[in-house]
Amino acid sequence: MSEDAVREADALCAFINASPSPFHAVSAAADMLTAAGFAATAQAESWVDPDRPVPARGFLTREGALVAWDLGAPDPAQCPPWTSYRIIAAHTDSPNLRIKPRPDLIRGGWEQLSVEVYGGPLLNSWLDRDLGLSGAVTVRAGGSGSGGVERVLFRVDDPVLRVPQLAVHLERSVNEEGLRLNPQTHLVPIWGAGGDAPGFAEYLSEQVGCAPGDLLGWDAMTHDLTPARRVGRAGDLIAAARQDNLTSCHAAIRALVEAGARRGEGGPAPVAVVALFDHEEIGSTTERGAASPLLSAVLERLVLARAGTRDDLWRALAGTVVASADMAHAVHPNYPERHEPQHQPMVNAGPVMKVNSRGRYATDSLGGAVLTLAAQQAGVPLQVFLSRGDMPCGSTVGPLVAAGLGVSTVDVGSPMLAMHSARELAGSADQRWYVELLTAFLTPS
């Protein structure tokens, strides 16, 4: 494995460790962009004010979502408004356990927090793990008596929660009949041995430094405290939580930054855009999900900011291509029969193009051709995944973005095992290839 691949894998691990929640993932991505010279822009600001032109390299955030762009010229006016886009779309959220609004429980003398399952996790993978807390809270701005609110991120990396499994002596058939978990009753974490300790709201207000009466609500979730790291005999694997889909978020931001440097070398190119959506794991139909107008509004406002028209927007979309970046299933050595025989991706063998004739993946022949050419341009091996004909597959933000914008789209991801586990496994060499492929996609030769 090359030194570049090792550095990229280690950088991915650092990004994952900095991103226990979608809110933190957006913050980490924003830090990467700011360090590379991108400027933050607010949705509420005017993008057509000649005295405050929209930045040529900029981004905006909405809670757990982010959209960033690079017009490819230092002056926005140098980029015609009908210039097409190359867009990478990914998502920041991962399956986990989320804290309910009234979570405090005492059962059997144990202090517990009531949680709700978010997305489709492998439930058993959350058992017997040290769990922390992270997310965002809404607090009264300016303290008591104020009518305003503000959002504050928080993370607790102490092992405050744990979901203990039932002892085998109390369920003798578990190894023969399998583990059956009821999300309502069996996944309730313990966080104390009883007593008169304050409840969750008081605990959380302490963590964020506000009075309990000023804590107005929370989006709080659990995260596995085991850090992301390279593992395996040769360090050629990555074990980490949330690789689906922080791996793609990291690769997308890295590609946008690298594409900027290559544009300077190679001249004009399509406008490069990265959209990191939230709530993919629960259907994307929220104000910051892929089914929202967040991305389409940014694309239109970038056209208007360059004195363009709606007609210019539709001209730009006519040549636009989207890469929906989400993780792919590598063949599992213990379950090879679960893969289609001719389509069995391996880790450390390059990114994966995903195809499904039922539209669960958005890949069409044009999008597939664009990705194939990008792989050839970058010198990156490209694998193909197709589900077995007798086994339905998952989906991505790709079909939603393709339908919403009316543009050619290709689904691509990095191969991994144990998708939706609390701790997933992928290849260390693949992240560098992933970045190089997405960079070439943004900068066609």
Protein backbone atom coordinates (compact mmCIF):
# COMPACT_ATOMS: atom_id res chain seq x y z
CA MET A 1 0.00 0.00 0.00
CA SER A 2 1.41 3.40 -0.98
CA GLU A 3 2.26 6.19 1.45
CA ASP A 4 -0.49 8.32 -0.14
CA ALA A 5 -3.02 5.56 0.54
CA VAL A 6 -1.91 5.29 4.18
CA ARG A 7 -2.18 9.06 4.65
CA GLU A 8 -5.65 9.11 3.08
CA ALA A 9 -6.83 6.21 5.24
CA ASP A 10 -5.53 7.90 8.38
CA ALA A 11 -7.17 11.19 7.35
CA LEU A 12 -10.46 9.34 6.90
CA CYS A 13 -10.17 7.84 10.38
CA ALA A 14 -9.55 11.32 11.82
CA PHE A 15 -12.63 12.66 9.99
CA ILE A 16 -14.81 9.84 11.30
CA ASN A 17 -13.52 10.34 14.85
CA ALA A 18 -14.41 14.04 14.59
CA SER A 19 -17.93 13.24 13.35
CA PRO A 20 -20.03 11.30 15.87
CA SER A 21 -23.23 12.91 14.53
CA PRO A 22 -24.34 14.49 11.22
CA PHE A 23 -23.98 17.92 12.83
CA HIS A 24 -20.36 17.22 13.69
CA ALA A 25 -19.73 15.74 10.22
CA VAL A 26 -20.89 19.00 8.65
CA SER A 27 -18.69 20.97 11.06
CA ALA A 28 -15.67 18.81 10.18
CA ALA A 29 -16.38 19.16 6.45
CA ALA A 30 -16.75 22.93 6.83
CA ASP A 31 -13.38 23.06 8.59
CA MET A 32 -11.77 21.20 5.67
CA LEU A 33 -13.31 23.60 3.18
CA THR A 34 -12.37 26.71 5.15
CA ALA A 35 -8.78 25.52 5.41
CA ALA A 36 -8.76 25.16 1.61
CA GLY A 37 -9.99 28.73 1.06
CA PHE A 38 -13.73 28.18 0.66
CA ALA A 39 -15.97 30.88 2.16
CA ALA A 40 -19.09 30.21 4.22
CA THR A 41 -22.30 31.72 2.85
CA ALA A 42 -25.71 31.96 4.51
CA GLN A 43 -28.97 31.05 2.82
CA ALA A 44 -30.57 34.21 4.20
CA GLU A 45 -28.04 36.50 2.49
CA SER A 46 -28.61 37.98 -0.95
CA TRP A 47 -26.62 36.23 -3.65
CA VAL A 48 -27.31 38.90 -6.28
CA ASP A 49 -26.00 41.93 -4.38
CA PRO A 50 -23.23 43.43 -6.57
CA ASP A 51 -21.51 44.81 -3.47
CA ARG A 52 -21.35 41.34 -1.91
CA PRO A 53 -20.93 38.81 -4.73
CA VAL A 54 -21.33 35.14 -3.96
CA PRO A 55 -17.91 33.52 -3.42
CA ALA A 56 -16.50 31.59 -6.36
CA ARG A 57 -15.53 28.85 -3.89
CA GLY A 58 -18.13 28.69 -1.18
CA PHE A 59 -20.44 26.57 0.91
CA LEU A 60 -23.53 26.76 3.08
CA THR A 61 -24.77 24.54 5.87
CA ARG A 62 -28.20 23.55 7.10
CA GLU A 63 -28.00 21.57 10.32
CA GLY A 64 -26.69 18.14 9.24
CA ALA A 65 -26.42 19.08 5.54
CA LEU A 66 -23.90 21.02 3.48
CA VAL A 67 -23.62 22.20 -0.12
CA ALA A 68 -20.28 23.43 -1.49
CA TRP A 69 -19.22 24.66 -4.91
CA ASP A 70 -16.25 25.77 -6.97
CA LEU A 71 -17.05 27.88 -10.03
CA GLY A 72 -13.59 27.23 -11.44
CA ALA A 73 -12.70 30.94 -11.78
CA PRO A 74 -11.68 33.52 -9.17
CA ASP A 75 -14.39 35.90 -10.40
CA PRO A 76 -17.92 34.43 -10.67
CA ALA A 77 -18.51 36.61 -13.72
CA GLN A 78 -15.83 34.62 -15.57
CA CYS A 79 -17.99 31.49 -15.37
CA PRO A 80 -20.96 31.73 -17.79
CA PRO A 81 -24.31 31.07 -16.04
CA TRP A 82 -25.18 28.24 -18.44
CA THR A 83 -22.05 26.24 -17.48
CA SER A 84 -23.00 22.67 -16.59
CA TYR A 85 -22.43 21.09 -13.20
CA ARG A 86 -20.59 18.02 -11.98
CA ILE A 87 -22.19 17.10 -8.64
CA ILE A 88 -21.20 14.60 -5.95
CA ALA A 89 -24.07 13.75 -3.59
CA ALA A 90 -23.61 11.84 -0.33
CA HIS A 91 -25.20 11.68 3.12
CA THR A 92 -23.96 12.46 6.62
CA ASP A 93 -26.26 10.27 8.73
CA SER A 94 -25.83 6.67 9.88
CA PRO A 95 -28.12 4.24 11.72
CA ASN A 96 -27.98 4.60 15.49
CA LEU A 97 -30.03 4.91 18.68
CA ARG A 98 -31.57 8.33 19.36
CA ILE A 99 -32.73 9.73 22.69
CA LYS A 100 -36.48 10.20 23.06
CA PRO A 101 -38.01 13.51 24.27
CA ARG A 102 -38.93 12.03 27.68
CA PRO A 103 -36.19 9.42 28.14
CA ASP A 104 -35.77 8.92 31.89
CA LEU A 105 -36.63 5.42 33.12
CA ILE A 106 -36.15 3.43 36.32
CA ARG A 107 -36.60 -0.32 35.78
CA GLY A 108 -35.53 -3.01 38.20
CA GLY A 109 -33.58 -0.39 40.13
CA TRP A 110 -31.52 0.59 37.06
CA GLU A 111 -31.39 4.10 35.58
CA GLN A 112 -32.04 3.94 31.84
CA LEU A 113 -32.57 6.24 28.86
CA SER A 114 -35.37 5.44 26.44
CA VAL A 115 -34.14 5.43 22.83
CA GLU A 116 -35.63 5.15 19.36
CA VAL A 117 -34.00 3.20 16.56
CA TYR A 118 -32.89 5.51 13.74
CA GLY A 119 -32.61 3.96 10.28
CA GLY A 120 -31.95 0.26 9.81
CA PRO A 121 -29.04 -0.73 12.06
CA LEU A 122 -27.84 -4.23 12.82
CA LEU A 123 -29.40 -4.12 16.27
CA ASN A 124 -27.19 -6.77 17.83
CA SER A 125 -24.08 -4.73 17.02
CA TRP A 126 -25.09 -2.10 19.59
CA LEU A 127 -25.05 -4.57 22.48
CA ASP A 128 -22.27 -4.62 25.07
CA ARG A 129 -20.53 -1.52 23.70
CA ASP A 130 -19.36 1.60 25.49
CA LEU A 131 -21.55 4.35 24.10
CA GLY A 132 -21.22 8.13 24.19
CA LEU A 133 -23.69 10.87 23.34
CA SER A 134 -23.60 13.54 20.65
CA GLY A 135 -25.78 15.80 18.57
CA ALA A 136 -27.23 19.29 18.84
CA VAL A 137 -29.42 21.05 21.35
CA THR A 138 -31.70 24.06 21.03
CA VAL A 139 -31.29 26.57 23.85
CA ARG A 140 -32.75 29.93 24.68
CA ALA A 141 -30.46 32.61 23.26
CA GLY A 142 -29.32 35.19 25.77
CA GLY A 143 -30.54 33.22 28.78
CA SER A 144 -33.85 33.26 30.61
CA GLY A 145 -36.44 35.72 29.35
CA SER A 146 -35.10 35.87 25.81
CA GLY A 147 -37.36 34.97 22.91
CA GLY A 148 -34.57 33.81 20.60
CA VAL A 149 -33.04 30.37 20.23
CA GLU A 150 -29.68 29.01 19.15
CA ARG A 151 -28.27 25.62 18.26
CA VAL A 152 -25.30 24.21 20.16
CA LEU A 153 -23.36 21.06 19.24
CA PHE A 154 -22.33 18.70 22.01
CA ARG A 155 -20.48 15.42 22.39
CA VAL A 156 -19.85 13.23 25.40
CA ASP A 157 -17.01 10.78 24.86
CA ASP A 158 -17.27 9.23 28.31
CA PRO A 159 -18.79 5.72 28.35
CA VAL A 160 -22.09 6.88 29.86
CA LEU A 161 -24.39 4.31 28.19
CA ARG A 162 -24.38 0.58 27.64
CA VAL A 163 -26.95 -1.96 26.39
CA PRO A 164 -26.09 -5.24 28.15
CA GLN A 165 -27.06 -8.49 26.51
CA LEU A 166 -29.07 -11.11 28.38
CA ALA A 167 -26.83 -13.82 29.82
CA VAL A 168 -26.85 -17.13 27.96
CA HIS A 169 -27.94 -18.85 31.18
CA LEU A 170 -31.23 -16.93 30.98
CA GLU A 171 -31.82 -17.66 27.29
CA ARG A 172 -30.34 -21.08 26.61
CA SER A 173 -31.58 -21.33 23.02
CA VAL A 174 -30.00 -18.11 21.75
CA ASN A 175 -27.10 -19.81 19.93
CA GLU A 176 -29.36 -22.35 18.23
CA GLU A 177 -32.42 -20.22 17.46
CA GLY A 178 -30.77 -16.84 17.00
CA LEU A 179 -30.92 -13.58 18.88
CA ARG A 180 -34.30 -11.81 18.71
CA LEU A 181 -34.36 -8.18 19.81
CA ASN A 182 -37.42 -6.02 20.46
CA PRO A 183 -36.37 -2.39 19.79
CA GLN A 184 -38.78 -1.07 22.42
CA THR A 185 -37.74 -3.28 25.31
CA HIS A 186 -34.35 -4.86 24.61
CA LEU A 187 -32.31 -1.86 23.38
CA VAL A 188 -32.82 0.48 26.33
CA PRO A 189 -29.37 1.59 27.54
CA ILE A 190 -28.36 1.60 31.20
CA TRP A 191 -26.60 4.70 32.47
CA GLY A 192 -26.67 4.24 36.22
CA ALA A 193 -27.36 1.88 39.09
CA GLY A 194 -30.21 3.86 40.59
CA GLY A 195 -30.31 6.65 43.11
CA ASP A 196 -31.35 10.28 43.00
CA ALA A 197 -29.12 11.50 40.16
CA PRO A 198 -30.61 14.27 37.96
CA GLY A 199 -32.45 13.31 34.79
CA PHE A 200 -31.26 13.53 31.20
CA ALA A 201 -32.36 17.15 30.65
CA GLU A 202 -30.38 18.32 33.67
CA TYR A 203 -27.38 16.24 32.62
CA LEU A 204 -27.47 17.64 29.08
CA SER A 205 -27.86 21.25 30.22
CA GLU A 206 -24.71 20.72 32.31
CA GLN A 207 -22.85 19.44 29.26
CA VAL A 208 -23.73 22.49 27.13
CA GLY A 209 -23.44 25.02 29.95
CA CYS A 210 -26.98 26.36 30.13
CA ALA A 211 -29.66 26.52 32.81
CA PRO A 212 -32.07 23.55 32.70
CA GLY A 213 -34.93 25.92 31.94
CA ASP A 214 -33.10 27.26 28.88
CA LEU A 215 -32.71 23.82 27.30
CA LEU A 216 -35.61 23.74 24.83
CA GLY A 217 -34.96 20.50 22.96
CA TRP A 218 -32.36 18.09 21.64
CA ASP A 219 -31.36 15.95 18.70
CA ALA A 220 -29.27 13.53 20.73
CA MET A 221 -27.89 10.18 19.63
CA THR A 222 -25.54 7.46 20.76
CA HIS A 223 -22.16 6.71 19.20
CA ASP A 224 -19.68 3.88 19.64
CA LEU A 225 -16.62 5.10 21.53
CA THR A 226 -14.11 2.78 19.84
CA PRO A 227 -12.02 5.06 17.60
CA ALA A 228 -11.71 4.49 13.87
CA ARG A 229 -8.38 2.93 13.03
CA ARG A 230 -6.48 0.81 10.56
CA VAL A 231 -6.52 -2.88 11.51
CA GLY A 232 -5.43 -6.22 10.11
CA ARG A 233 -2.06 -7.90 9.97
CA ALA A 234 -0.68 -5.28 7.58
CA GLY A 235 -2.96 -2.39 8.59
CA ASP A 236 -4.71 -2.77 5.25
CA LEU A 237 -8.25 -2.60 6.69
CA ILE A 238 -10.24 0.15 8.40
CA ALA A 239 -12.55 -0.68 11.30
CA ALA A 240 -14.83 2.21 12.20
CA ALA A 241 -18.33 3.31 12.96
CA ARG A 242 -20.31 5.33 10.40
CA GLN A 243 -18.20 4.44 7.37
CA ASP A 244 -21.60 4.35 5.66
CA ASN A 245 -21.51 7.12 4.70
CA LEU A 246 -18.81 9.34 6.20
CA THR A 247 -16.29 7.62 3.94
CA SER A 248 -18.09 9.12 0.94
CA CYS A 249 -18.48 12.53 2.63
CA HIS A 250 -14.75 12.69 3.29
CA ALA A 251 -13.90 11.55 -0.25
CA ALA A 252 -16.30 14.11 -1.75
CA ILE A 253 -14.83 17.06 0.16
CA ARG A 254 -11.28 15.91 -0.56
CA ALA A 255 -12.14 15.60 -4.25
CA LEU A 256 -13.64 19.10 -4.37
CA VAL A 257 -10.49 20.55 -2.83
CA GLU A 258 -8.15 18.58 -5.12
CA ALA A 259 -10.27 19.44 -8.16
CA GLY A 260 -9.67 23.13 -7.50
CA ALA A 261 -5.92 22.67 -7.80
CA ARG A 262 -6.27 20.63 -11.00
CA ARG A 263 -8.62 23.20 -12.56
CA GLY A 264 -5.88 25.76 -12.13
CA GLU A 265 -3.58 23.52 -14.13
CA GLY A 266 -6.01 22.41 -16.82
CA GLY A 267 -8.27 25.39 -17.52
CA PRO A 268 -12.09 25.63 -17.53
CA ALA A 269 -14.30 22.76 -16.40
CA PRO A 270 -17.90 22.26 -15.27
CA VAL A 271 -18.91 23.89 -12.00
CA ALA A 272 -17.99 21.44 -9.24
CA VAL A 273 -20.57 20.88 -6.49
CA VAL A 274 -20.72 18.64 -3.42
CA ALA A 275 -24.02 18.05 -1.61
CA LEU A 276 -23.95 16.26 1.73
CA PHE A 277 -27.53 15.51 2.76
CA ASP A 278 -28.93 14.38 6.09
CA HIS A 279 -31.68 11.82 6.78
CA GLU A 280 -30.91 9.40 3.93
CA GLU A 281 -31.29 6.49 6.33
CA ILE A 282 -34.93 7.45 7.00
CA GLY A 283 -36.05 8.31 3.48
CA SER A 284 -34.59 11.78 2.78
CA THR A 285 -37.97 13.55 2.90
CA THR A 286 -36.98 16.34 5.30
CA GLU A 287 -35.86 19.96 4.94
CA ARG A 288 -32.25 18.84 4.73
CA GLY A 289 -32.70 15.53 2.93
CA ALA A 290 -32.11 14.75 -0.74
CA ALA A 291 -35.84 15.11 -1.51
CA SER A 292 -35.77 18.76 -0.37
CA PRO A 293 -35.11 21.73 -2.69
CA LEU A 294 -31.80 22.45 -0.92
CA LEU A 295 -29.54 21.44 -3.81
CA SER A 296 -31.75 22.71 -6.63
CA ALA A 297 -32.07 26.07 -4.87
CA VAL A 298 -28.29 26.42 -4.61
CA LEU A 299 -27.81 25.55 -8.29
CA GLU A 300 -30.41 28.13 -9.33
CA ARG A 301 -29.03 30.81 -7.04
CA LEU A 302 -25.52 30.25 -8.42
CA VAL A 303 -26.94 30.90 -11.91
CA LEU A 304 -28.78 34.04 -10.78
CA ALA A 305 -25.67 35.26 -8.94
CA ARG A 306 -23.90 35.34 -12.32
CA ALA A 307 -26.70 37.41 -13.93
CA GLY A 308 -28.23 34.32 -15.46
CA THR A 309 -31.86 33.36 -16.05
CA ARG A 310 -34.07 30.32 -15.51
CA ASP A 311 -33.34 29.42 -19.12
CA ASP A 312 -29.63 29.43 -18.31
CA LEU A 313 -30.31 27.08 -15.41
CA TRP A 314 -32.04 24.57 -17.67
CA ARG A 315 -29.20 24.87 -20.18
CA ALA A 316 -26.75 24.11 -17.37
CA LEU A 317 -28.75 21.11 -16.18
CA ALA A 318 -28.85 19.67 -19.71
CA GLY A 319 -25.14 18.86 -19.45
CA THR A 320 -25.03 18.08 -15.74
CA VAL A 321 -24.04 14.68 -14.31
CA VAL A 322 -24.36 13.53 -10.69
CA ALA A 323 -22.27 10.95 -8.85
CA SER A 324 -24.28 9.55 -5.96
CA ALA A 325 -21.55 8.48 -3.54
CA ASP A 326 -22.62 5.81 -1.05
CA MET A 327 -20.97 2.66 0.20
CA ALA A 328 -21.08 -0.70 -1.59
CA HIS A 329 -21.23 -4.30 -0.41
CA ALA A 330 -17.96 -6.21 -0.72
CA VAL A 331 -18.26 -9.97 -1.00
CA HIS A 332 -18.29 -11.54 2.47
CA PRO A 333 -15.96 -14.56 2.77
CA ASN A 334 -18.42 -16.33 5.08
CA TYR A 335 -21.46 -15.62 2.88
CA PRO A 336 -20.27 -15.50 -0.76
CA GLU A 337 -23.61 -16.92 -1.93
CA ARG A 338 -25.31 -13.64 -0.99
CA HIS A 339 -23.68 -11.94 -3.99
CA GLU A 340 -24.52 -12.17 -7.68
CA PRO A 341 -21.84 -14.54 -9.04
CA GLN A 342 -20.49 -12.19 -11.72
CA HIS A 343 -20.50 -9.08 -9.52
CA GLN A 344 -18.49 -9.63 -6.33
CA PRO A 345 -16.56 -6.50 -5.31
CA MET A 346 -13.47 -6.90 -3.12
CA VAL A 347 -11.94 -4.45 -0.65
CA ASN A 348 -8.67 -2.78 -1.67
CA ALA A 349 -9.59 -3.33 -5.31
CA GLY A 350 -11.05 0.07 -6.15
CA PRO A 351 -14.42 1.89 -6.06
CA VAL A 352 -17.64 0.21 -7.12
CA MET A 353 -20.24 1.33 -9.68
CA LYS A 354 -23.69 0.17 -8.55
CA VAL A 355 -26.41 -0.89 -10.99
CA ASN A 356 -30.06 -1.87 -10.51
CA SER A 357 -32.64 -2.15 -13.29
CA ARG A 358 -35.47 -1.37 -10.85
CA GLY A 359 -34.08 2.10 -10.23
CA ARG A 360 -32.94 1.51 -6.66
CA TYR A 361 -29.62 2.82 -7.90
CA ALA A 362 -29.74 5.69 -10.38
CA THR A 363 -26.98 4.55 -12.73
CA ASP A 364 -27.87 4.95 -16.41
CA SER A 365 -25.63 4.25 -19.38
CA LEU A 366 -24.54 7.89 -19.74
CA GLY A 367 -23.71 8.27 -16.07
CA GLY A 368 -21.92 4.92 -16.12
CA ALA A 369 -19.89 5.98 -19.14
CA VAL A 370 -18.88 9.24 -17.45
CA LEU A 371 -17.69 7.33 -14.38
CA THR A 372 -15.82 4.77 -16.50
CA LEU A 373 -14.01 7.55 -18.34
CA ALA A 374 -13.17 9.24 -15.03
CA ALA A 375 -11.70 5.97 -13.74
CA GLN A 376 -9.60 5.64 -16.90
CA GLN A 377 -8.50 9.27 -16.60
CA ALA A 378 -7.42 8.73 -12.98
CA GLY A 379 -5.92 5.28 -13.53
CA VAL A 380 -8.26 3.84 -10.88
CA PRO A 381 -9.70 0.28 -11.02
CA LEU A 382 -13.50 0.27 -11.15
CA GLN A 383 -15.65 -2.63 -9.95
CA VAL A 384 -19.37 -3.25 -10.52
CA PHE A 385 -22.03 -4.34 -8.03
CA LEU A 386 -25.40 -5.82 -8.92
CA SER A 387 -27.72 -7.53 -6.43
CA ARG A 388 -28.84 -11.11 -6.89
CA GLY A 389 -32.07 -11.38 -8.86
CA ASP A 390 -33.79 -13.01 -5.89
CA MET A 391 -32.63 -10.42 -3.35
CA PRO A 392 -33.80 -6.77 -3.25
CA CYS A 393 -31.13 -4.13 -2.74
CA GLY A 394 -31.03 -0.91 -0.77
CA SER A 395 -31.08 2.55 -2.28
CA THR A 396 -29.24 5.87 -2.11
CA VAL A 397 -29.86 9.58 -2.63
CA GLY A 398 -29.11 8.98 -6.32
CA PRO A 399 -32.65 8.26 -7.57
CA LEU A 400 -34.04 11.25 -5.64
CA VAL A 401 -31.45 13.67 -6.99
CA ALA A 402 -31.78 12.28 -10.52
CA ALA A 403 -35.56 12.69 -10.45
CA GLY A 404 -35.45 16.08 -8.76
CA LEU A 405 -32.99 17.65 -11.20
CA GLY A 406 -33.73 15.56 -14.28
CA VAL A 407 -30.05 14.76 -14.89
CA SER A 408 -27.96 11.70 -15.65
CA THR A 409 -26.68 10.04 -12.50
CA VAL A 410 -24.34 7.23 -11.53
CA ASP A 411 -24.20 5.45 -8.18
CA VAL A 412 -20.72 4.74 -6.88
CA GLY A 413 -19.25 3.70 -3.56
CA SER A 414 -16.36 2.14 -1.73
CA PRO A 415 -16.60 -1.60 -0.88
CA MET A 416 -17.13 -2.63 2.72
CA LEU A 417 -18.39 -5.38 5.05
CA ALA A 418 -20.90 -5.17 7.91
CA MET A 419 -22.81 -2.20 6.51
CA HIS A 420 -25.12 -0.69 9.17
CA SER A 421 -23.23 -2.36 12.00
CA ALA A 422 -22.15 -0.17 14.90
CA ARG A 423 -18.63 -0.88 13.60
CA GLU A 424 -17.97 -1.55 9.93
CA LEU A 425 -14.99 -2.87 7.96
CA ALA A 426 -13.42 -1.56 4.74
CA GLY A 427 -10.07 -1.48 2.94
CA SER A 428 -7.33 1.03 3.73
CA ALA A 429 -6.19 1.35 0.11
CA ASP A 430 -9.65 2.17 -1.26
CA GLN A 431 -10.06 5.69 0.13
CA ARG A 432 -7.23 7.14 -1.96
CA TRP A 433 -8.71 5.53 -5.09
CA TYR A 434 -12.13 6.87 -4.14
CA VAL A 435 -10.78 10.43 -3.84
CA GLU A 436 -8.90 10.15 -7.13
CA LEU A 437 -11.97 8.83 -8.98
CA LEU A 438 -14.26 11.57 -7.66
CA THR A 439 -11.63 14.23 -8.42
CA ALA A 440 -11.42 13.03 -12.02
CA PHE A 441 -15.24 13.01 -12.19
CA LEU A 442 -15.27 16.70 -11.19
CA THR A 443 -12.51 17.59 -13.68
CA PRO A 444 -13.16 15.76 -16.97
CA SER A 445 -10.26 15.96 -19.40
